[in-house]
C-alpha cells in the first residue's frame, strides 16, 4: 500500500508543478490550458515523468517511501528540468 501511495503522490507532485506553470503563464497574459501546455512540451513532460519514475524506483528500493518524499520527487522532477533549461 505504501508503494501505491508513493506513486500516487509522485504523480500529484508532478501535476501540481505543471498546474503552477500554467497559472504563471496565465498571470502573464498567456491564455493556455493544462492539456495545451503539456502538448506543447511533450518531451519535457515525458522526461519529467521518467525522472519521477527513476526517483521513485530509488525510494522504493531503499525502503524509504513517504508520502511527502514522493510528492517532492514528482514536483522536483519537473521543476529540475526548468532549472536545467535556464542554465543552458
PDB file of N, CA and C in Angstrom:
ATOM      1  N   UNK A   1       0.814  -1.196   0.000  1.00  0.00           N
ATOM      2  CA  UNK A   1       0.000   0.000   0.000  1.00  0.00           C
ATOM      3  C   UNK A   1       0.862   1.267   0.000  1.00  0.00           C
ATOM      4  N   UNK A   2       1.971   1.241   0.722  1.00  0.00           N
ATOM      5  CA  UNK A   2       2.862   2.391   0.776  1.00  0.00           C
ATOM      6  C   UNK A   2       3.402   2.745  -0.604  1.00  0.00           C
ATOM      7  N   UNK A   3       3.703   1.730  -1.396  1.00  0.00           N
ATOM      8  CA  UNK A   3       4.242   1.967  -2.732  1.00  0.00           C
ATOM      9  C   UNK A   3       3.185   2.628  -3.619  1.00  0.00           C
ATOM     10  N   UNK A   4       1.946   2.151  -3.558  1.00  0.00           N
ATOM     11  CA  UNK A   4       0.879   2.760  -4.356  1.00  0.00           C
ATOM     12  C   UNK A   4       0.647   4.212  -3.951  1.00  0.00           C
ATOM     13  N   UNK A   5       0.663   4.482  -2.666  1.00  0.00           N
ATOM     14  CA  UNK A   5       0.519   5.857  -2.190  1.00  0.00           C
ATOM     15  C   UNK A   5       1.684   6.713  -2.685  1.00  0.00           C
ATOM     16  N   UNK A   6       2.883   6.160  -2.661  1.00  0.00           N
ATOM     17  CA  UNK A   6       4.047   6.895  -3.150  1.00  0.00           C
ATOM     18  C   UNK A   6       3.940   7.242  -4.613  1.00  0.00           C
ATOM     19  N   UNK A   7       3.506   6.279  -5.422  1.00  0.00           N
ATOM     20  CA  UNK A   7       3.344   6.526  -6.858  1.00  0.00           C
ATOM     21  C   UNK A   7       2.274   7.594  -7.090  1.00  0.00           C
ATOM     22  N   UNK A   8       1.168   7.492  -6.367  1.00  0.00           N
ATOM     23  CA  UNK A   8       0.100   8.487  -6.475  1.00  0.00           C
ATOM     24  C   UNK A   8       0.610   9.872  -6.089  1.00  0.00           C
ATOM     25  N   UNK A   9       1.342   9.957  -4.990  1.00  0.00           N
ATOM     26  CA  UNK A   9       1.833  11.253  -4.522  1.00  0.00           C
ATOM     27  C   UNK A   9       2.869  11.838  -5.491  1.00  0.00           C
ATOM     28  N   UNK A  10       3.702  10.987  -6.091  1.00  0.00           N
ATOM     29  CA  UNK A  10       4.659  11.483  -7.089  1.00  0.00           C
ATOM     30  C   UNK A  10       3.919  12.058  -8.293  1.00  0.00           C
ATOM     31  N   UNK A  11       2.873  11.369  -8.722  1.00  0.00           N
ATOM     32  CA  UNK A  11       2.063  11.874  -9.845  1.00  0.00           C
ATOM     33  C   UNK A  11       1.402  13.204  -9.461  1.00  0.00           C
ATOM     34  N   UNK A  12       0.924  13.303  -8.222  1.00  0.00           N
ATOM     35  CA  UNK A  12       0.302  14.551  -7.767  1.00  0.00           C
ATOM     36  C   UNK A  12       1.335  15.681  -7.717  1.00  0.00           C
ATOM     37  N   UNK A  13       2.533  15.396  -7.263  1.00  0.00           N
ATOM     38  CA  UNK A  13       3.582  16.409  -7.243  1.00  0.00           C
ATOM     39  C   UNK A  13       3.896  16.919  -8.633  1.00  0.00           C
ATOM     40  N   UNK A  14       3.956  16.011  -9.582  1.00  0.00           N
ATOM     41  CA  UNK A  14       4.218  16.392 -10.972  1.00  0.00           C
ATOM     42  C   UNK A  14       3.077  17.264 -11.505  1.00  0.00           C
ATOM     43  N   UNK A  15       1.846  16.855 -11.223  1.00  0.00           N
ATOM     44  CA  UNK A  15       0.674  17.612 -11.666  1.00  0.00           C
ATOM     45  C   UNK A  15       0.631  18.997 -11.018  1.00  0.00           C
ATOM     46  N   UNK A  16       0.959  19.078  -9.749  1.00  0.00           N
ATOM     47  CA  UNK A  16       0.975  20.376  -9.053  1.00  0.00           C
ATOM     48  C   UNK A  16       1.955  21.322  -9.727  1.00  0.00           C
ATOM     49  N   UNK A  17       3.124  20.816 -10.089  1.00  0.00           N
ATOM     50  CA  UNK A  17       4.108  21.696 -10.724  1.00  0.00           C
ATOM     51  C   UNK A  17       3.644  22.125 -12.107  1.00  0.00           C
ATOM     52  N   UNK A  18       3.050  21.209 -12.863  1.00  0.00           N
ATOM     53  CA  UNK A  18       2.530  21.576 -14.181  1.00  0.00           C
ATOM     54  C   UNK A  18       1.444  22.651 -14.056  1.00  0.00           C
ATOM     55  N   UNK A  19       0.548  22.474 -13.094  1.00  0.00           N
ATOM     56  CA  UNK A  19      -0.507  23.474 -12.887  1.00  0.00           C
ATOM     57  C   UNK A  19       0.075  24.822 -12.475  1.00  0.00           C
ATOM     58  N   UNK A  20       1.110  24.794 -11.662  1.00  0.00           N
ATOM     59  CA  UNK A  20       1.775  26.041 -11.252  1.00  0.00           C
ATOM     60  C   UNK A  20       2.308  26.789 -12.472  1.00  0.00           C
ATOM     61  N   UNK A  21       2.907  26.055 -13.396  1.00  0.00           N
ATOM     62  CA  UNK A  21       3.439  26.692 -14.601  1.00  0.00           C
ATOM     63  C   UNK A  21       2.317  27.291 -15.449  1.00  0.00           C
ATOM     64  N   UNK A  22       1.184  26.592 -15.559  1.00  0.00           N
ATOM     65  CA  UNK A  22       0.049  27.109 -16.322  1.00  0.00           C
ATOM     66  C   UNK A  22      -0.491  28.374 -15.664  1.00  0.00           C
ATOM     67  N   UNK A  23      -0.603  28.370 -14.343  1.00  0.00           N
ATOM     68  CA  UNK A  23      -1.087  29.555 -13.618  1.00  0.00           C
ATOM     69  C   UNK A  23      -0.131  30.729 -13.828  1.00  0.00           C
ATOM     70  N   UNK A  24       1.174  30.491 -13.789  1.00  0.00           N
ATOM     71  CA  UNK A  24       2.151  31.563 -14.017  1.00  0.00           C
ATOM     72  C   UNK A  24       1.996  32.141 -15.423  1.00  0.00           C
ATOM     73  N   UNK A  25       1.826  31.269 -16.412  1.00  0.00           N
ATOM     74  CA  UNK A  25       1.649  31.753 -17.786  1.00  0.00           C
ATOM     75  C   UNK A  25       0.374  32.566 -17.926  1.00  0.00           C
ATOM     76  N   UNK A  26      -0.705  32.083 -17.313  1.00  0.00           N
ATOM     77  CA  UNK A  26      -1.969  32.826 -17.383  1.00  0.00           C
ATOM     78  C   UNK A  26      -1.850  34.181 -16.702  1.00  0.00           C
ATOM     79  N   UNK A  27      -1.105  34.246 -15.607  1.00  0.00           N
ATOM     80  CA  UNK A  27      -0.920  35.518 -14.907  1.00  0.00           C
ATOM     81  C   UNK A  27      -0.151  36.515 -15.768  1.00  0.00           C
ATOM     82  N   UNK A  28       0.692  36.002 -16.668  1.00  0.00           N
ATOM     83  CA  UNK A  28       1.457  36.893 -17.542  1.00  0.00           C
ATOM     84  C   UNK A  28       0.691  37.242 -18.816  1.00  0.00           C
ATOM     85  N   UNK A  29      -0.567  36.773 -18.918  1.00  0.00           N
ATOM     86  CA  UNK A  29      -1.388  37.140 -20.065  1.00  0.00           C
ATOM     87  C   UNK A  29      -1.517  36.088 -21.144  1.00  0.00           C
ATOM     88  N   UNK A  30      -0.841  34.959 -20.994  1.00  0.00           N
ATOM     89  CA  UNK A  30      -0.921  33.885 -21.982  1.00  0.00           C
ATOM     90  C   UNK A  30      -2.155  33.039 -21.672  1.00  0.00           C
ATOM     91  N   UNK A  31      -3.003  32.837 -22.672  1.00  0.00           N
ATOM     92  CA  UNK A  31      -4.185  32.003 -22.494  1.00  0.00           C
ATOM     93  C   UNK A  31      -3.822  30.584 -22.900  1.00  0.00           C
ATOM     94  N   UNK A  32      -3.705  29.705 -21.908  1.00  0.00           N
ATOM     95  CA  UNK A  32      -3.308  28.321 -22.159  1.00  0.00           C
ATOM     96  C   UNK A  32      -3.937  27.438 -21.091  1.00  0.00           C
ATOM     97  N   UNK A  33      -4.256  26.207 -21.471  1.00  0.00           N
ATOM     98  CA  UNK A  33      -4.779  25.226 -20.534  1.00  0.00           C
ATOM     99  C   UNK A  33      -3.732  24.164 -20.256  1.00  0.00           C
ATOM    100  N   UNK A  34      -4.024  23.309 -19.311  1.00  0.00           N
ATOM    101  CA  UNK A  34      -3.078  22.270 -18.921  1.00  0.00           C
ATOM    102  C   UNK A  34      -2.762  21.324 -20.077  1.00  0.00           C
ATOM    103  N   UNK A  35      -3.781  20.868 -20.780  1.00  0.00           N
ATOM    104  CA  UNK A  35      -3.559  19.925 -21.885  1.00  0.00           C
ATOM    105  C   UNK A  35      -2.736  20.582 -22.988  1.00  0.00           C
ATOM    106  N   UNK A  36      -3.059  21.814 -23.301  1.00  0.00           N
ATOM    107  CA  UNK A  36      -2.301  22.543 -24.328  1.00  0.00           C
ATOM    108  C   UNK A  36      -0.844  22.737 -23.905  1.00  0.00           C
ATOM    109  N   UNK A  37      -0.628  23.029 -22.621  1.00  0.00           N
ATOM    110  CA  UNK A  37       0.728  23.209 -22.093  1.00  0.00           C
ATOM    111  C   UNK A  37       1.532  21.914 -22.250  1.00  0.00           C
ATOM    112  N   UNK A  38       0.932  20.802 -21.864  1.00  0.00           N
ATOM    113  CA  UNK A  38       1.624  19.508 -21.960  1.00  0.00           C
ATOM    114  C   UNK A  38       1.873  19.135 -23.419  1.00  0.00           C
ATOM    115  N   UNK A  39       0.880  19.337 -24.287  1.00  0.00           N
ATOM    116  CA  UNK A  39       1.053  19.028 -25.711  1.00  0.00           C
ATOM    117  C   UNK A  39       2.141  19.882 -26.346  1.00  0.00           C
ATOM    118  N   UNK A  40       2.324  21.100 -25.873  1.00  0.00           N
ATOM    119  CA  UNK A  40       3.356  21.980 -26.403  1.00  0.00           C
ATOM    120  C   UNK A  40       4.756  21.637 -25.931  1.00  0.00           C
ATOM    121  N   UNK A  41       4.860  20.777 -24.926  1.00  0.00           N
ATOM    122  CA  UNK A  41       6.144  20.383 -24.353  1.00  0.00           C
ATOM    123  C   UNK A  41       6.181  18.881 -24.106  1.00  0.00           C
ATOM    124  N   UNK A  42       5.939  18.077 -25.147  1.00  0.00           N
ATOM    125  CA  UNK A  42       5.810  16.627 -24.916  1.00  0.00           C
ATOM    126  C   UNK A  42       7.089  15.968 -24.401  1.00  0.00           C
ATOM    127  N   UNK A  43       8.236  16.364 -24.917  1.00  0.00           N
ATOM    128  CA  UNK A  43       9.479  15.721 -24.490  1.00  0.00           C
ATOM    129  C   UNK A  43       9.842  16.105 -23.066  1.00  0.00           C
ATOM    130  N   UNK A  44       9.642  17.365 -22.720  1.00  0.00           N
ATOM    131  CA  UNK A  44       9.931  17.801 -21.350  1.00  0.00           C
ATOM    132  C   UNK A  44       9.003  17.087 -20.366  1.00  0.00           C
ATOM    133  N   UNK A  45       7.740  16.952 -20.727  1.00  0.00           N
ATOM    134  CA  UNK A  45       6.785  16.265 -19.853  1.00  0.00           C
ATOM    135  C   UNK A  45       7.186  14.808 -19.675  1.00  0.00           C
ATOM    136  N   UNK A  46       7.505  14.128 -20.766  1.00  0.00           N
ATOM    137  CA  UNK A  46       7.913  12.725 -20.672  1.00  0.00           C
ATOM    138  C   UNK A  46       9.207  12.564 -19.888  1.00  0.00           C
ATOM    139  N   UNK A  47      10.145  13.471 -20.078  1.00  0.00           N
ATOM    140  CA  UNK A  47      11.397  13.410 -19.336  1.00  0.00           C
ATOM    141  C   UNK A  47      11.153  13.624 -17.839  1.00  0.00           C
ATOM    142  N   UNK A  48      10.240  14.527 -17.508  1.00  0.00           N
ATOM    143  CA  UNK A  48       9.895  14.750 -16.107  1.00  0.00           C
ATOM    144  C   UNK A  48       9.254  13.524 -15.479  1.00  0.00           C
ATOM    145  N   UNK A  49       8.353  12.875 -16.215  1.00  0.00           N
ATOM    146  CA  UNK A  49       7.707  11.655 -15.720  1.00  0.00           C
ATOM    147  C   UNK A  49       8.759  10.551 -15.548  1.00  0.00           C
ATOM    148  N   UNK A  50       9.670  10.439 -16.502  1.00  0.00           N
ATOM    149  CA  UNK A  50      10.733   9.430 -16.391  1.00  0.00           C
ATOM    150  C   UNK A  50      11.621   9.713 -15.183  1.00  0.00           C
ATOM    151  N   UNK A  51      11.928  10.978 -14.943  1.00  0.00           N
ATOM    152  CA  UNK A  51      12.724  11.342 -13.763  1.00  0.00           C
ATOM    153  C   UNK A  51      12.002  10.995 -12.473  1.00  0.00           C
ATOM    154  N   UNK A  52      10.698  11.251 -12.448  1.00  0.00           N
ATOM    155  CA  UNK A  52       9.890  10.885 -11.277  1.00  0.00           C
ATOM    156  C   UNK A  52       9.922   9.378 -11.057  1.00  0.00           C
ATOM    157  N   UNK A  53       9.774   8.622 -12.137  1.00  0.00           N
ATOM    158  CA  UNK A  53       9.774   7.164 -12.033  1.00  0.00           C
ATOM    159  C   UNK A  53      11.115   6.645 -11.529  1.00  0.00           C
ATOM    160  N   UNK A  54      12.205   7.219 -12.032  1.00  0.00           N
ATOM    161  CA  UNK A  54      13.531   6.787 -11.592  1.00  0.00           C
ATOM    162  C   UNK A  54      13.740   7.090 -10.107  1.00  0.00           C
ATOM    163  N   UNK A  55      13.346   8.284  -9.684  1.00  0.00           N
ATOM    164  CA  UNK A  55      13.495   8.650  -8.279  1.00  0.00           C
ATOM    165  C   UNK A  55      12.600   7.792  -7.392  1.00  0.00           C
ATOM    166  N   UNK A  56      11.398   7.501  -7.858  1.00  0.00           N
ATOM    167  CA  UNK A  56      10.512   6.627  -7.089  1.00  0.00           C
ATOM    168  C   UNK A  56      11.093   5.221  -7.003  1.00  0.00           C
ATOM    169  N   UNK A  57      11.717   4.761  -8.065  1.00  0.00           N
ATOM    170  CA  UNK A  57      12.395   3.461  -8.021  1.00  0.00           C
ATOM    171  C   UNK A  57      13.445   3.429  -6.934  1.00  0.00           C
ATOM    172  N   UNK A  58      14.191   4.513  -6.819  1.00  0.00           N
ATOM    173  CA  UNK A  58      15.197   4.605  -5.761  1.00  0.00           C
ATOM    174  C   UNK A  58      14.539   4.568  -4.379  1.00  0.00           C
ATOM    175  N   UNK A  59      13.473   5.356  -4.198  1.00  0.00           N
ATOM    176  CA  UNK A  59      12.800   5.374  -2.899  1.00  0.00           C
ATOM    177  C   UNK A  59      12.227   4.007  -2.543  1.00  0.00           C
ATOM    178  N   UNK A  60      11.644   3.345  -3.526  1.00  0.00           N
ATOM    179  CA  UNK A  60      11.069   2.017  -3.280  1.00  0.00           C
ATOM    180  C   UNK A  60      12.172   1.028  -2.935  1.00  0.00           C
ATOM    181  N   UNK A  61      13.244   1.050  -3.699  1.00  0.00           N
ATOM    182  CA  UNK A  61      14.353   0.122  -3.464  1.00  0.00           C
ATOM    183  C   UNK A  61      14.992   0.343  -2.097  1.00  0.00           C
ATOM    184  N   UNK A  62      15.102   1.597  -1.693  1.00  0.00           N
ATOM    185  CA  UNK A  62      15.728   1.894  -0.405  1.00  0.00           C
ATOM    186  C   UNK A  62      14.777   1.659   0.764  1.00  0.00           C
ATOM    187  N   UNK A  63      13.489   1.464   0.462  1.00  0.00           N
ATOM    188  CA  UNK A  63      12.511   1.259   1.521  1.00  0.00           C
ATOM    189  C   UNK A  63      12.148   2.537   2.247  1.00  0.00           C
ATOM    190  N   UNK A  64      12.417   3.670   1.608  1.00  0.00           N
ATOM    191  CA  UNK A  64      12.217   4.975   2.246  1.00  0.00           C
ATOM    192  C   UNK A  64      11.092   5.763   1.586  1.00  0.00           C
ATOM    193  N   UNK A  65      10.007   5.088   1.233  1.00  0.00           N
ATOM    194  CA  UNK A  65       8.885   5.756   0.576  1.00  0.00           C
ATOM    195  C   UNK A  65       8.017   6.435   1.629  1.00  0.00           C
ATOM    196  N   UNK A  66       7.914   7.744   1.531  1.00  0.00           N
ATOM    197  CA  UNK A  66       6.972   8.501   2.358  1.00  0.00           C
ATOM    198  C   UNK A  66       6.107   9.329   1.415  1.00  0.00           C
ATOM    199  N   UNK A  67       4.942   9.698   1.881  1.00  0.00           N
ATOM    200  CA  UNK A  67       4.040  10.484   1.038  1.00  0.00           C
ATOM    201  C   UNK A  67       4.674  11.818   0.655  1.00  0.00           C
ATOM    202  N   UNK A  68       5.268  12.505   1.619  1.00  0.00           N
ATOM    203  CA  UNK A  68       5.864  13.812   1.328  1.00  0.00           C
ATOM    204  C   UNK A  68       7.105  13.687   0.453  1.00  0.00           C
ATOM    205  N   UNK A  69       7.894  12.646   0.679  1.00  0.00           N
ATOM    206  CA  UNK A  69       9.069  12.430  -0.172  1.00  0.00           C
ATOM    207  C   UNK A  69       8.665  12.170  -1.610  1.00  0.00           C
ATOM    208  N   UNK A  70       7.618  11.375  -1.795  1.00  0.00           N
ATOM    209  CA  UNK A  70       7.138  11.073  -3.144  1.00  0.00           C
ATOM    210  C   UNK A  70       6.554  12.315  -3.807  1.00  0.00           C
ATOM    211  N   UNK A  71       5.822  13.125  -3.047  1.00  0.00           N
ATOM    212  CA  UNK A  71       5.279  14.374  -3.586  1.00  0.00           C
ATOM    213  C   UNK A  71       6.419  15.276  -4.053  1.00  0.00           C
ATOM    214  N   UNK A  72       7.450  15.375  -3.238  1.00  0.00           N
ATOM    215  CA  UNK A  72       8.610  16.205  -3.593  1.00  0.00           C
ATOM    216  C   UNK A  72       9.311  15.673  -4.840  1.00  0.00           C
ATOM    217  N   UNK A  73       9.408  14.356  -4.955  1.00  0.00           N
ATOM    218  CA  UNK A  73      10.039  13.744  -6.133  1.00  0.00           C
ATOM    219  C   UNK A  73       9.298  14.159  -7.396  1.00  0.00           C
ATOM    220  N   UNK A  74       7.979  14.063  -7.378  1.00  0.00           N
ATOM    221  CA  UNK A  74       7.194  14.428  -8.551  1.00  0.00           C
ATOM    222  C   UNK A  74       7.305  15.898  -8.893  1.00  0.00           C
ATOM    223  N   UNK A  75       7.250  16.742  -7.875  1.00  0.00           N
ATOM    224  CA  UNK A  75       7.331  18.187  -8.087  1.00  0.00           C
ATOM    225  C   UNK A  75       8.703  18.571  -8.621  1.00  0.00           C
ATOM    226  N   UNK A  76       9.742  18.072  -7.981  1.00  0.00           N
ATOM    227  CA  UNK A  76      11.102  18.472  -8.352  1.00  0.00           C
ATOM    228  C   UNK A  76      11.564  17.881  -9.684  1.00  0.00           C
ATOM    229  N   UNK A  77      11.005  16.746 -10.080  1.00  0.00           N
ATOM    230  CA  UNK A  77      11.403  16.174 -11.373  1.00  0.00           C
ATOM    231  C   UNK A  77      11.068  17.133 -12.501  1.00  0.00           C
ATOM    232  N   UNK A  78       9.889  17.736 -12.453  1.00  0.00           N
ATOM    233  CA  UNK A  78       9.510  18.696 -13.492  1.00  0.00           C
ATOM    234  C   UNK A  78      10.216  20.027 -13.269  1.00  0.00           C
ATOM    235  N   UNK A  79      10.330  20.450 -12.035  1.00  0.00           N
ATOM    236  CA  UNK A  79      10.969  21.720 -11.714  1.00  0.00           C
ATOM    237  C   UNK A  79      12.449  21.713 -12.100  1.00  0.00           C
ATOM    238  N   UNK A  80      13.115  20.593 -11.871  1.00  0.00           N
ATOM    239  CA  UNK A  80      14.536  20.489 -12.190  1.00  0.00           C
ATOM    240  C   UNK A  80      14.811  20.666 -13.672  1.00  0.00           C
ATOM    241  N   UNK A  81      13.897  20.195 -14.513  1.00  0.00           N
ATOM    242  CA  UNK A  81      14.076  20.374 -15.954  1.00  0.00           C
ATOM    243  C   UNK A  81      14.045  21.853 -16.330  1.00  0.00           C
ATOM    244  N   UNK A  82      13.182  22.611 -15.664  1.00  0.00           N
ATOM    245  CA  UNK A  82      13.129  24.041 -15.912  1.00  0.00           C
ATOM    246  C   UNK A  82      14.422  24.738 -15.524  1.00  0.00           C
ATOM    247  N   UNK A  83      15.017  24.305 -14.428  1.00  0.00           N
ATOM    248  CA  UNK A  83      16.285  24.891 -13.988  1.00  0.00           C
ATOM    249  C   UNK A  83      17.398  24.575 -14.969  1.00  0.00           C
ATOM    250  N   UNK A  84      17.419  23.355 -15.491  1.00  0.00           N
ATOM    251  CA  UNK A  84      18.434  22.983 -16.483  1.00  0.00           C
ATOM    252  C   UNK A  84      18.299  23.801 -17.746  1.00  0.00           C
ATOM    253  N   UNK A  85      17.057  24.028 -18.174  1.00  0.00           N
ATOM    254  CA  UNK A  85      16.819  24.790 -19.401  1.00  0.00           C
ATOM    255  C   UNK A  85      17.307  26.220 -19.246  1.00  0.00           C
ATOM    256  N   UNK A  86      17.088  26.824 -18.077  1.00  0.00           N
ATOM    257  CA  UNK A  86      17.506  28.215 -17.850  1.00  0.00           C
ATOM    258  C   UNK A  86      19.013  28.355 -17.813  1.00  0.00           C
ATOM    259  N   UNK A  87      19.735  27.323 -17.365  1.00  0.00           N
ATOM    260  CA  UNK A  87      21.200  27.395 -17.284  1.00  0.00           C
ATOM    261  C   UNK A  87      21.870  27.214 -18.631  1.00  0.00           C
ATOM    262  N   UNK A  88      21.197  26.553 -19.570  1.00  0.00           N
ATOM    263  CA  UNK A  88      21.834  26.292 -20.862  1.00  0.00           C
ATOM    264  C   UNK A  88      21.669  27.434 -21.821  1.00  0.00           C
TER     265      UNK A  88
END
